[in-house]
Amino acid sequence: MKRVKIHCPVCNKSGKIEVDETLLEKSKRGILAVNIDKSIICPHSFISYIDKNFNIRDSFVSDFTLELANINIQDENRLNSHRDLEKIDLNLVISNITLIELASILKGVFSKKNVLLLNDSEIISQELPKILEFIFEISFDYNIAILNRIEYIRYKHNYENYEVIDYDEIFDEEKKKKILKNTKIESAFIKKFLSEKFPISGLIILRNEVLKAFELSKTIIKILQNHSNTGEFTRKELIYLLSEKYEIEIQSNYFEFLLDIIKNYHEYDLSIISNDLFPSLRLYK
């Protein structure tokens, strides 16, 4: 075990943790994701990426700043899929991929894009497809390819219409800021997954968050179809109807995220929705 000095990205308080050197040795990319629970260093929970020289490459806060929609999802296939995942070393998978890569994958799926992940780790090429199948099994269709760099150079011409996720650029600060700005909700999903003490539990939570987004987006489409003859909708009216149906609070940024899914993934025309900030207070029974 190696003792490594860690700084909290929130309060900058520092402390030392023990890192299992064998996990870094198993990591093809030489990067290890370490979850720092509350009270270990300070009152905050965060995740740090440690490189093979035991330097901190990056850190992010794992506390939730976004309140995601809380609805009950009936997932009858969850337990059977869960048993298949028990054979996967999820900690090793997490050590070979980052939040930004995972959030970018979600963004690509929600936007109905072909996604190409460049990653040289065998564990990612072997196990990530099984994890993605579990996450999207009963919700979104997806097309995600995983190549190492030599394969990409050789077959690059076959992936001209793919959104390329390149982990070599992850620690470019400007690129990182741009990605995080464009994937706020997706990053929140992944933070929730990575912040769980037991990776299997986090993966089930991630699957359910994805399924919620899928179901809520379809519900909005049904609302629009059922009231297509009533004229324009305001965003507030739609949020009201959705909140009333599920008896939940929906934040505006999460609602805009759902509208993006409807527009890009479902390819549904949203011209009926106005940008008017003030609803006409139509109530539908």
Protein backbone atom coordinates (compact mmCIF):
# COMPACT_ATOMS: atom_id res chain seq x y z
CA MET A 1 0.00 0.00 0.00
CA LYS A 2 1.19 3.50 -0.85
CA ARG A 3 0.27 6.61 1.15
CA VAL A 4 -0.81 9.48 -1.10
CA LYS A 5 -1.57 13.08 -0.16
CA ILE A 6 -5.01 14.20 -1.35
CA HIS A 7 -6.54 17.70 -1.46
CA CYS A 8 -10.29 18.25 -1.33
CA PRO A 9 -11.43 20.19 -4.43
CA VAL A 10 -14.01 22.04 -2.32
CA CYS A 11 -12.27 23.21 0.86
CA ASN A 12 -8.65 22.37 -0.12
CA LYS A 13 -8.12 20.48 3.14
CA SER A 14 -5.49 17.79 2.70
CA GLY A 15 -4.89 14.36 4.12
CA LYS A 16 -3.25 11.07 3.27
CA ILE A 17 -4.94 7.89 2.08
CA GLU A 18 -3.62 4.41 1.33
CA VAL A 19 -3.69 3.32 -2.31
CA ASP A 20 -3.43 -0.29 -3.43
CA GLU A 21 -0.46 -0.36 -5.80
CA THR A 22 -1.68 -3.56 -7.48
CA LEU A 23 -4.79 -1.77 -8.75
CA LEU A 24 -2.58 0.78 -10.51
CA GLU A 25 -0.50 -2.02 -11.98
CA LYS A 26 -3.65 -3.60 -13.42
CA SER A 27 -4.73 -0.31 -14.95
CA LYS A 28 -3.62 -0.25 -18.59
CA ARG A 29 -3.74 3.52 -18.72
CA GLY A 30 -1.96 4.02 -15.40
CA ILE A 31 -4.82 5.98 -13.86
CA LEU A 32 -6.75 4.93 -10.75
CA ALA A 33 -10.08 6.42 -9.63
CA VAL A 34 -10.32 6.62 -5.83
CA ASN A 35 -13.57 7.45 -4.04
CA ILE A 36 -12.96 9.56 -0.91
CA ASP A 37 -15.89 9.21 1.48
CA LYS A 38 -17.05 11.98 3.82
CA SER A 39 -15.04 12.35 7.06
CA ILE A 40 -11.91 10.63 5.67
CA ILE A 41 -10.25 13.98 4.94
CA CYS A 42 -13.02 16.54 5.41
CA PRO A 43 -16.85 16.74 5.39
CA HIS A 44 -16.93 16.41 1.60
CA SER A 45 -17.12 13.35 -0.63
CA PHE A 46 -15.09 13.45 -3.83
CA ILE A 47 -13.27 11.30 -6.38
CA SER A 48 -9.60 11.71 -7.35
CA TYR A 49 -7.66 10.27 -10.28
CA ILE A 50 -4.16 9.10 -9.31
CA ASP A 51 -1.51 8.32 -11.94
CA LYS A 52 1.21 5.65 -11.88
CA ASN A 53 3.60 8.10 -10.17
CA PHE A 54 1.00 8.59 -7.41
CA ASN A 55 0.31 12.17 -8.48
CA ILE A 56 -3.24 13.56 -8.43
CA ARG A 57 -4.29 14.12 -12.02
CA ASP A 58 -7.80 15.39 -11.37
CA SER A 59 -10.54 15.52 -8.73
CA PHE A 60 -14.26 16.18 -8.77
CA VAL A 61 -16.91 16.55 -6.11
CA SER A 62 -19.23 13.58 -5.86
CA ASP A 63 -21.86 15.37 -3.76
CA PHE A 64 -25.00 15.96 -5.83
CA THR A 65 -25.74 19.53 -6.86
CA LEU A 66 -28.62 18.59 -9.15
CA GLU A 67 -31.89 17.21 -7.85
CA LEU A 68 -32.82 14.47 -10.28
CA ALA A 69 -36.39 13.37 -10.86
CA ASN A 70 -37.43 10.79 -8.26
CA ILE A 71 -39.97 8.38 -9.72
CA ASN A 72 -40.47 4.68 -9.16
CA ILE A 73 -39.38 2.49 -12.06
CA GLN A 74 -40.56 -1.09 -12.31
CA ASP A 75 -37.59 -3.06 -13.59
CA GLU A 76 -38.45 -6.76 -13.60
CA ASN A 77 -35.25 -7.78 -15.39
CA ARG A 78 -32.93 -5.97 -12.99
CA LEU A 79 -32.04 -8.91 -10.73
CA ASN A 80 -31.31 -11.32 -13.58
CA SER A 81 -29.02 -8.77 -15.22
CA HIS A 82 -27.45 -8.06 -11.84
CA ARG A 83 -26.36 -11.69 -11.48
CA ASP A 84 -24.51 -11.55 -14.80
CA LEU A 85 -22.58 -8.48 -13.64
CA GLU A 86 -21.24 -10.20 -10.52
CA LYS A 87 -18.52 -11.78 -12.67
CA ILE A 88 -17.16 -8.35 -13.68
CA ASP A 89 -14.52 -6.56 -11.59
CA LEU A 90 -16.31 -3.19 -11.63
CA ASN A 91 -13.60 -1.51 -9.55
CA LEU A 92 -11.06 -2.39 -12.22
CA VAL A 93 -13.38 -1.14 -14.97
CA ILE A 94 -13.90 2.17 -13.13
CA SER A 95 -10.12 2.53 -12.76
CA ASN A 96 -9.71 2.40 -16.55
CA ILE A 97 -12.35 4.95 -17.53
CA THR A 98 -13.24 8.44 -16.33
CA LEU A 99 -16.35 10.42 -15.51
CA ILE A 100 -15.94 12.54 -18.63
CA GLU A 101 -15.72 9.50 -20.89
CA LEU A 102 -18.79 7.90 -19.32
CA ALA A 103 -20.77 11.17 -19.39
CA SER A 104 -19.80 11.67 -23.04
CA ILE A 105 -21.04 8.17 -23.87
CA LEU A 106 -24.40 8.95 -22.26
CA LYS A 107 -24.59 12.27 -24.11
CA GLY A 108 -23.93 10.52 -27.41
CA VAL A 109 -26.63 7.91 -26.78
CA PHE A 110 -29.18 10.53 -25.68
CA SER A 111 -28.39 12.49 -28.85
CA LYS A 112 -28.78 9.36 -31.01
CA LYS A 113 -25.20 9.55 -32.26
CA ASN A 114 -22.79 6.81 -33.17
CA VAL A 115 -20.11 6.82 -30.47
CA LEU A 116 -16.49 5.69 -30.71
CA LEU A 117 -14.50 5.38 -27.48
CA LEU A 118 -10.72 5.30 -27.86
CA ASN A 119 -9.32 3.30 -24.96
CA ASP A 120 -6.30 1.01 -24.91
CA SER A 121 -7.42 -1.03 -21.92
CA GLU A 122 -8.42 -4.65 -22.57
CA ILE A 123 -10.71 -4.60 -19.52
CA ILE A 124 -12.70 -1.76 -21.13
CA SER A 125 -12.99 -3.46 -24.53
CA GLN A 126 -14.05 -6.72 -22.86
CA GLU A 127 -16.29 -5.61 -20.01
CA LEU A 128 -17.70 -2.17 -20.88
CA PRO A 129 -19.99 -3.58 -23.63
CA LYS A 130 -21.62 -5.86 -21.01
CA ILE A 131 -22.11 -2.90 -18.67
CA LEU A 132 -23.59 -0.75 -21.44
CA GLU A 133 -25.97 -3.55 -22.38
CA PHE A 134 -27.17 -3.64 -18.77
CA ILE A 135 -27.58 0.15 -18.58
CA PHE A 136 -29.54 0.53 -21.84
CA GLU A 137 -31.21 -2.89 -22.01
CA ILE A 138 -34.80 -1.67 -21.65
CA SER A 139 -34.46 1.96 -22.65
CA PHE A 140 -32.31 3.63 -25.32
CA ASP A 141 -30.96 2.03 -28.48
CA TYR A 142 -27.26 2.73 -28.96
CA ASN A 143 -24.31 2.17 -31.25
CA ILE A 144 -21.01 2.34 -29.34
CA ALA A 145 -17.69 1.09 -30.67
CA ILE A 146 -14.52 0.69 -28.60
CA LEU A 147 -11.10 0.71 -30.28
CA ASN A 148 -7.51 1.01 -29.16
CA ARG A 149 -5.32 3.58 -30.89
CA ILE A 150 -3.63 1.19 -33.31
CA GLU A 151 -7.03 -0.11 -34.45
CA TYR A 152 -8.32 3.45 -34.84
CA ILE A 153 -5.37 4.46 -37.05
CA ARG A 154 -5.95 1.39 -39.18
CA TYR A 155 -9.74 1.63 -39.48
CA LYS A 156 -10.33 5.37 -39.02
CA HIS A 157 -12.06 5.65 -42.40
CA ASN A 158 -14.87 3.40 -41.12
CA TYR A 159 -15.76 5.81 -38.32
CA GLU A 160 -16.16 9.13 -40.08
CA ASN A 161 -19.75 9.52 -38.85
CA TYR A 162 -18.92 8.68 -35.23
CA GLU A 163 -18.55 10.99 -32.24
CA VAL A 164 -15.02 10.23 -31.04
CA ILE A 165 -14.29 10.18 -27.30
CA ASP A 166 -10.55 10.44 -26.78
CA TYR A 167 -9.31 9.93 -23.21
CA ASP A 168 -5.90 11.46 -24.02
CA GLU A 169 -7.64 14.84 -24.02
CA ILE A 170 -9.44 14.34 -20.70
CA PHE A 171 -6.98 16.35 -18.65
CA ASP A 172 -6.89 19.25 -21.08
CA GLU A 173 -8.52 21.80 -18.79
CA GLU A 174 -10.32 23.77 -21.50
CA LYS A 175 -11.69 20.64 -23.17
CA LYS A 176 -12.73 19.26 -19.80
CA LYS A 177 -14.66 22.45 -18.92
CA LYS A 178 -16.44 22.40 -22.28
CA ILE A 179 -17.45 18.75 -21.93
CA LEU A 180 -18.68 19.20 -18.35
CA LYS A 181 -20.69 22.27 -19.39
CA ASN A 182 -22.43 20.28 -22.14
CA THR A 183 -23.03 17.18 -20.01
CA LYS A 184 -24.29 18.55 -16.69
CA ILE A 185 -27.08 16.03 -16.22
CA GLU A 186 -25.10 13.13 -17.68
CA SER A 187 -22.21 13.98 -15.34
CA ALA A 188 -24.65 14.02 -12.43
CA PHE A 189 -25.77 10.50 -13.38
CA ILE A 190 -22.16 9.27 -13.46
CA LYS A 191 -21.26 11.02 -10.20
CA LYS A 192 -24.16 9.27 -8.54
CA PHE A 193 -22.89 5.94 -9.89
CA LEU A 194 -19.26 6.51 -8.88
CA SER A 195 -20.17 7.83 -5.43
CA GLU A 196 -21.80 4.59 -4.34
CA LYS A 197 -19.71 2.49 -1.96
CA PHE A 198 -20.62 -0.70 -3.83
CA PRO A 199 -20.18 -0.41 -7.63
CA ILE A 200 -23.03 -2.87 -8.37
CA SER A 201 -25.45 -0.66 -6.43
CA GLY A 202 -24.16 2.40 -8.28
CA LEU A 203 -24.62 0.68 -11.61
CA ILE A 204 -28.24 -0.18 -10.81
CA ILE A 205 -28.83 3.44 -9.81
CA LEU A 206 -27.29 4.61 -13.10
CA ARG A 207 -29.49 2.21 -15.07
CA ASN A 208 -32.57 3.54 -13.27
CA GLU A 209 -31.63 7.18 -13.90
CA VAL A 210 -31.26 6.39 -17.61
CA LEU A 211 -34.60 4.55 -17.61
CA LYS A 212 -36.31 7.49 -15.84
CA ALA A 213 -35.06 9.88 -18.52
CA PHE A 214 -36.37 7.52 -21.21
CA GLU A 215 -39.80 7.13 -19.61
CA LEU A 216 -40.21 10.83 -18.79
CA SER A 217 -39.25 11.87 -22.32
CA LYS A 218 -41.85 9.49 -23.76
CA THR A 219 -44.46 10.82 -21.34
CA ILE A 220 -43.83 14.40 -22.53
CA ILE A 221 -44.35 13.25 -26.13
CA LYS A 222 -47.68 11.64 -25.15
CA ILE A 223 -48.78 14.86 -23.44
CA LEU A 224 -47.96 16.86 -26.56
CA GLN A 225 -49.76 14.37 -28.79
CA ASN A 226 -52.87 14.28 -26.58
CA HIS A 227 -53.15 18.07 -26.56
CA SER A 228 -51.90 18.81 -30.07
CA ASN A 229 -55.08 20.73 -30.88
CA THR A 230 -54.81 23.19 -27.98
CA GLY A 231 -52.15 25.43 -29.50
CA GLU A 232 -48.76 26.25 -28.09
CA PHE A 233 -47.47 24.96 -24.77
CA THR A 234 -45.18 26.88 -22.49
CA ARG A 235 -42.39 25.07 -20.71
CA LYS A 236 -44.02 25.79 -17.35
CA GLU A 237 -47.26 24.19 -18.45
CA LEU A 238 -45.46 21.04 -19.52
CA ILE A 239 -43.48 20.89 -16.27
CA TYR A 240 -46.75 21.30 -14.37
CA LEU A 241 -48.44 18.43 -16.23
CA LEU A 242 -45.41 16.16 -15.83
CA SER A 243 -45.05 17.01 -12.15
CA GLU A 244 -48.74 16.41 -11.56
CA LYS A 245 -48.65 13.00 -13.25
CA TYR A 246 -45.71 11.68 -11.23
CA GLU A 247 -46.17 13.87 -8.11
CA ILE A 248 -42.58 15.07 -8.32
CA GLU A 249 -40.61 18.30 -8.55
CA ILE A 250 -38.79 18.79 -11.85
CA GLN A 251 -36.01 21.34 -12.10
CA SER A 252 -35.87 23.45 -15.25
CA ASN A 253 -32.38 22.25 -16.23
CA TYR A 254 -33.49 18.62 -16.00
CA PHE A 255 -36.58 19.44 -18.06
CA GLU A 256 -34.42 21.04 -20.78
CA PHE A 257 -32.32 17.87 -20.73
CA LEU A 258 -35.50 15.85 -21.40
CA LEU A 259 -36.46 18.17 -24.26
CA ASP A 260 -33.04 17.59 -25.84
CA ILE A 261 -33.67 13.83 -25.70
CA ILE A 262 -37.09 14.29 -27.32
CA LYS A 263 -35.64 16.46 -30.08
CA ASN A 264 -32.45 14.50 -30.80
CA TYR A 265 -33.17 10.90 -29.83
CA HIS A 266 -36.91 10.61 -30.49
CA GLU A 267 -36.67 13.16 -33.33
CA TYR A 268 -39.97 14.71 -32.28
CA ASP A 269 -40.96 18.19 -33.43
CA LEU A 270 -40.99 20.59 -30.45
CA SER A 271 -42.17 23.67 -32.32
CA ILE A 272 -45.43 23.51 -30.34
CA ILE A 273 -43.49 24.51 -27.22
CA SER A 274 -43.02 28.25 -26.79
CA ASN A 275 -40.30 30.04 -24.87
CA ASP A 276 -42.91 32.02 -22.95
CA LEU A 277 -41.91 32.20 -19.30
CA PHE A 278 -45.48 32.74 -18.12
CA PRO A 279 -48.02 29.92 -18.46
CA SER A 280 -51.59 30.60 -19.42
CA LEU A 281 -52.50 28.30 -16.50
CA ARG A 282 -54.52 25.85 -18.57
CA LEU A 283 -55.32 22.87 -16.35
CA TYR A 284 -55.98 19.52 -17.99
CA LYS A 285 -57.83 16.68 -16.35
